[in-house]
Amino acid sequence: MAQAPIQVVWFKRDLRIHDHAPLANVAAAGPMLPLFAIEPEQWQA
């Protein structure tokens, strides 16, 4: 049996999960990797 590919969900500006449709869709489909990369401007805010 082939293993499902890992899907990446990119959180651009916030980490909300309660109303994040792409996150819900990917989570229902199989393995996923949530990704959040903080930008230098966010550290300065």
PDB file of N, CA and C in Angstrom:
ATOM      1  N   MET A   1       0.850  -1.189   0.000  1.00  0.00           N
ATOM      2  CA  MET A   1       0.000   0.000   0.000  1.00  0.00           C
ATOM      3  C   MET A   1       0.889   1.244   0.000  1.00  0.00           C
ATOM      4  N   ALA A   2       0.630   2.157  -0.906  1.00  0.00           N
ATOM      5  CA  ALA A   2       1.416   3.389  -1.012  1.00  0.00           C
ATOM      6  C   ALA A   2       1.048   4.354   0.100  1.00  0.00           C
ATOM      7  N   GLN A   3       2.045   5.040   0.599  1.00  0.00           N
ATOM      8  CA  GLN A   3       1.828   6.023   1.653  1.00  0.00           C
ATOM      9  C   GLN A   3       1.406   7.357   1.029  1.00  0.00           C
ATOM     10  N   ALA A   4       0.435   8.015   1.656  1.00  0.00           N
ATOM     11  CA  ALA A   4      -0.041   9.308   1.156  1.00  0.00           C
ATOM     12  C   ALA A   4       1.075  10.341   1.281  1.00  0.00           C
ATOM     13  N   PRO A   5       1.180  11.242   0.301  1.00  0.00           N
ATOM     14  CA  PRO A   5       2.203  12.287   0.390  1.00  0.00           C
ATOM     15  C   PRO A   5       1.890  13.266   1.523  1.00  0.00           C
ATOM     16  N   ILE A   6       2.916  13.863   2.060  1.00  0.00           N
ATOM     17  CA  ILE A   6       2.738  14.866   3.111  1.00  0.00           C
ATOM     18  C   ILE A   6       2.384  16.196   2.458  1.00  0.00           C
ATOM     19  N   GLN A   7       1.305  16.802   2.912  1.00  0.00           N
ATOM     20  CA  GLN A   7       0.864  18.105   2.413  1.00  0.00           C
ATOM     21  C   GLN A   7       1.371  19.188   3.361  1.00  0.00           C
ATOM     22  N   VAL A   8       1.781  20.316   2.819  1.00  0.00           N
ATOM     23  CA  VAL A   8       2.281  21.436   3.613  1.00  0.00           C
ATOM     24  C   VAL A   8       1.216  22.518   3.677  1.00  0.00           C
ATOM     25  N   VAL A   9       0.950  23.011   4.891  1.00  0.00           N
ATOM     26  CA  VAL A   9       0.046  24.144   5.086  1.00  0.00           C
ATOM     27  C   VAL A   9       0.891  25.286   5.640  1.00  0.00           C
ATOM     28  N   TRP A  10       0.927  26.390   4.904  1.00  0.00           N
ATOM     29  CA  TRP A  10       1.754  27.536   5.275  1.00  0.00           C
ATOM     30  C   TRP A  10       0.891  28.564   5.997  1.00  0.00           C
ATOM     31  N   PHE A  11       1.265  28.861   7.220  1.00  0.00           N
ATOM     32  CA  PHE A  11       0.622  29.915   8.003  1.00  0.00           C
ATOM     33  C   PHE A  11       1.425  31.190   7.763  1.00  0.00           C
ATOM     34  N   LYS A  12       0.896  32.117   6.984  1.00  0.00           N
ATOM     35  CA  LYS A  12       1.647  33.308   6.568  1.00  0.00           C
ATOM     36  C   LYS A  12       1.792  34.337   7.688  1.00  0.00           C
ATOM     37  N   ARG A  13       0.694  34.801   8.243  1.00  0.00           N
ATOM     38  CA  ARG A  13       0.753  35.896   9.215  1.00  0.00           C
ATOM     39  C   ARG A  13       0.219  35.544  10.601  1.00  0.00           C
ATOM     40  N   ASP A  14      -0.548  34.500  10.709  1.00  0.00           N
ATOM     41  CA  ASP A  14      -1.087  34.139  12.025  1.00  0.00           C
ATOM     42  C   ASP A  14      -1.229  32.625  12.119  1.00  0.00           C
ATOM     43  N   LEU A  15      -1.495  32.160  13.300  1.00  0.00           N
ATOM     44  CA  LEU A  15      -1.589  30.725  13.529  1.00  0.00           C
ATOM     45  C   LEU A  15      -3.022  30.287  13.829  1.00  0.00           C
ATOM     46  N   ARG A  16      -4.001  30.996  13.288  1.00  0.00           N
ATOM     47  CA  ARG A  16      -5.380  30.617  13.573  1.00  0.00           C
ATOM     48  C   ARG A  16      -5.675  29.242  12.984  1.00  0.00           C
ATOM     49  N   ILE A  17      -6.462  28.475  13.701  1.00  0.00           N
ATOM     50  CA  ILE A  17      -6.829  27.154  13.199  1.00  0.00           C
ATOM     51  C   ILE A  17      -8.347  26.941  13.183  1.00  0.00           C
ATOM     52  N   HIS A  18      -9.087  27.756  13.896  1.00  0.00           N
ATOM     53  CA  HIS A  18     -10.528  27.516  14.010  1.00  0.00           C
ATOM     54  C   HIS A  18     -11.301  27.825  12.738  1.00  0.00           C
ATOM     55  N   ASP A  19     -10.794  28.663  11.856  1.00  0.00           N
ATOM     56  CA  ASP A  19     -11.507  29.008  10.624  1.00  0.00           C
ATOM     57  C   ASP A  19     -10.585  28.932   9.407  1.00  0.00           C
ATOM     58  N   HIS A  20      -9.661  28.003   9.437  1.00  0.00           N
ATOM     59  CA  HIS A  20      -8.655  27.872   8.380  1.00  0.00           C
ATOM     60  C   HIS A  20      -9.063  26.712   7.457  1.00  0.00           C
ATOM     61  N   ALA A  21      -9.810  27.020   6.402  1.00  0.00           N
ATOM     62  CA  ALA A  21     -10.348  25.990   5.507  1.00  0.00           C
ATOM     63  C   ALA A  21      -9.261  25.115   4.869  1.00  0.00           C
ATOM     64  N   PRO A  22      -8.164  25.679   4.351  1.00  0.00           N
ATOM     65  CA  PRO A  22      -7.132  24.811   3.766  1.00  0.00           C
ATOM     66  C   PRO A  22      -6.565  23.821   4.784  1.00  0.00           C
ATOM     67  N   LEU A  23      -6.393  24.247   6.016  1.00  0.00           N
ATOM     68  CA  LEU A  23      -5.889  23.356   7.058  1.00  0.00           C
ATOM     69  C   LEU A  23      -6.862  22.203   7.294  1.00  0.00           C
ATOM     70  N   ALA A  24      -8.137  22.494   7.381  1.00  0.00           N
ATOM     71  CA  ALA A  24      -9.146  21.451   7.588  1.00  0.00           C
ATOM     72  C   ALA A  24      -9.162  20.472   6.422  1.00  0.00           C
ATOM     73  N   ASN A  25      -9.074  20.979   5.210  1.00  0.00           N
ATOM     74  CA  ASN A  25      -9.085  20.112   4.026  1.00  0.00           C
ATOM     75  C   ASN A  25      -7.880  19.184   4.000  1.00  0.00           C
ATOM     76  N   VAL A  26      -6.719  19.718   4.274  1.00  0.00           N
ATOM     77  CA  VAL A  26      -5.500  18.910   4.255  1.00  0.00           C
ATOM     78  C   VAL A  26      -5.513  17.893   5.389  1.00  0.00           C
ATOM     79  N   ALA A  27      -5.940  18.293   6.566  1.00  0.00           N
ATOM     80  CA  ALA A  27      -5.983  17.378   7.710  1.00  0.00           C
ATOM     81  C   ALA A  27      -6.911  16.199   7.435  1.00  0.00           C
ATOM     82  N   ALA A  28      -7.984  16.436   6.713  1.00  0.00           N
ATOM     83  CA  ALA A  28      -8.921  15.359   6.386  1.00  0.00           C
ATOM     84  C   ALA A  28      -8.362  14.415   5.329  1.00  0.00           C
ATOM     85  N   ALA A  29      -7.396  14.893   4.543  1.00  0.00           N
ATOM     86  CA  ALA A  29      -6.876  14.114   3.424  1.00  0.00           C
ATOM     87  C   ALA A  29      -5.719  13.198   3.794  1.00  0.00           C
ATOM     88  N   GLY A  30      -5.023  13.487   4.883  1.00  0.00           N
ATOM     89  CA  GLY A  30      -3.889  12.647   5.238  1.00  0.00           C
ATOM     90  C   GLY A  30      -2.819  13.408   5.984  1.00  0.00           C
ATOM     91  N   PRO A  31      -1.583  12.894   5.945  1.00  0.00           N
ATOM     92  CA  PRO A  31      -0.491  13.516   6.700  1.00  0.00           C
ATOM     93  C   PRO A  31      -0.237  14.951   6.238  1.00  0.00           C
ATOM     94  N   MET A  32       0.130  15.794   7.212  1.00  0.00           N
ATOM     95  CA  MET A  32       0.400  17.185   6.871  1.00  0.00           C
ATOM     96  C   MET A  32       1.547  17.725   7.707  1.00  0.00           C
ATOM     97  N   LEU A  33       2.138  18.794   7.202  1.00  0.00           N
ATOM     98  CA  LEU A  33       3.210  19.501   7.893  1.00  0.00           C
ATOM     99  C   LEU A  33       2.805  20.963   7.983  1.00  0.00           C
ATOM    100  N   PRO A  34       2.394  21.434   9.174  1.00  0.00           N
ATOM    101  CA  PRO A  34       2.105  22.859   9.307  1.00  0.00           C
ATOM    102  C   PRO A  34       3.424  23.635   9.347  1.00  0.00           C
ATOM    103  N   LEU A  35       3.483  24.755   8.627  1.00  0.00           N
ATOM    104  CA  LEU A  35       4.720  25.532   8.524  1.00  0.00           C
ATOM    105  C   LEU A  35       4.442  26.988   8.842  1.00  0.00           C
ATOM    106  N   PHE A  36       5.223  27.542   9.770  1.00  0.00           N
ATOM    107  CA  PHE A  36       5.136  28.958  10.100  1.00  0.00           C
ATOM    108  C   PHE A  36       6.550  29.485  10.157  1.00  0.00           C
ATOM    109  N   ALA A  37       6.872  30.437   9.309  1.00  0.00           N
ATOM    110  CA  ALA A  37       8.201  31.053   9.293  1.00  0.00           C
ATOM    111  C   ALA A  37       8.038  32.517   9.666  1.00  0.00           C
ATOM    112  N   ILE A  38       8.585  32.900  10.790  1.00  0.00           N
ATOM    113  CA  ILE A  38       8.447  34.287  11.239  1.00  0.00           C
ATOM    114  C   ILE A  38       9.376  35.182  10.421  1.00  0.00           C
ATOM    115  N   GLU A  39       8.876  36.350  10.101  1.00  0.00           N
ATOM    116  CA  GLU A  39       9.628  37.309   9.306  1.00  0.00           C
ATOM    117  C   GLU A  39      10.246  38.365  10.241  1.00  0.00           C
ATOM    118  N   PRO A  40      11.385  38.943   9.849  1.00  0.00           N
ATOM    119  CA  PRO A  40      12.058  39.918  10.709  1.00  0.00           C
ATOM    120  C   PRO A  40      11.133  41.070  11.135  1.00  0.00           C
ATOM    121  N   GLU A  41      10.241  41.505  10.243  1.00  0.00           N
ATOM    122  CA  GLU A  41       9.337  42.595  10.599  1.00  0.00           C
ATOM    123  C   GLU A  41       8.403  42.227  11.740  1.00  0.00           C
ATOM    124  N   GLN A  42       8.060  40.946  11.844  1.00  0.00           N
ATOM    125  CA  GLN A  42       7.187  40.507  12.935  1.00  0.00           C
ATOM    126  C   GLN A  42       7.901  40.574  14.282  1.00  0.00           C
ATOM    127  N   TRP A  43       9.200  40.291  14.310  1.00  0.00           N
ATOM    128  CA  TRP A  43       9.954  40.395  15.553  1.00  0.00           C
ATOM    129  C   TRP A  43      10.034  41.844  16.025  1.00  0.00           C
ATOM    130  N   GLN A  44      10.100  42.776  15.064  1.00  0.00           N
ATOM    131  CA  GLN A  44      10.238  44.183  15.414  1.00  0.00           C
ATOM    132  C   GLN A  44       8.934  44.828  15.842  1.00  0.00           C
ATOM    133  N   ALA A  45       7.820  44.211  15.511  1.00  0.00           N
ATOM    134  CA  ALA A  45       6.501  44.798  15.828  1.00  0.00           C
ATOM    135  C   ALA A  45       6.211  44.736  17.320  1.00  0.00           C
TER     136      ALA A  45
END
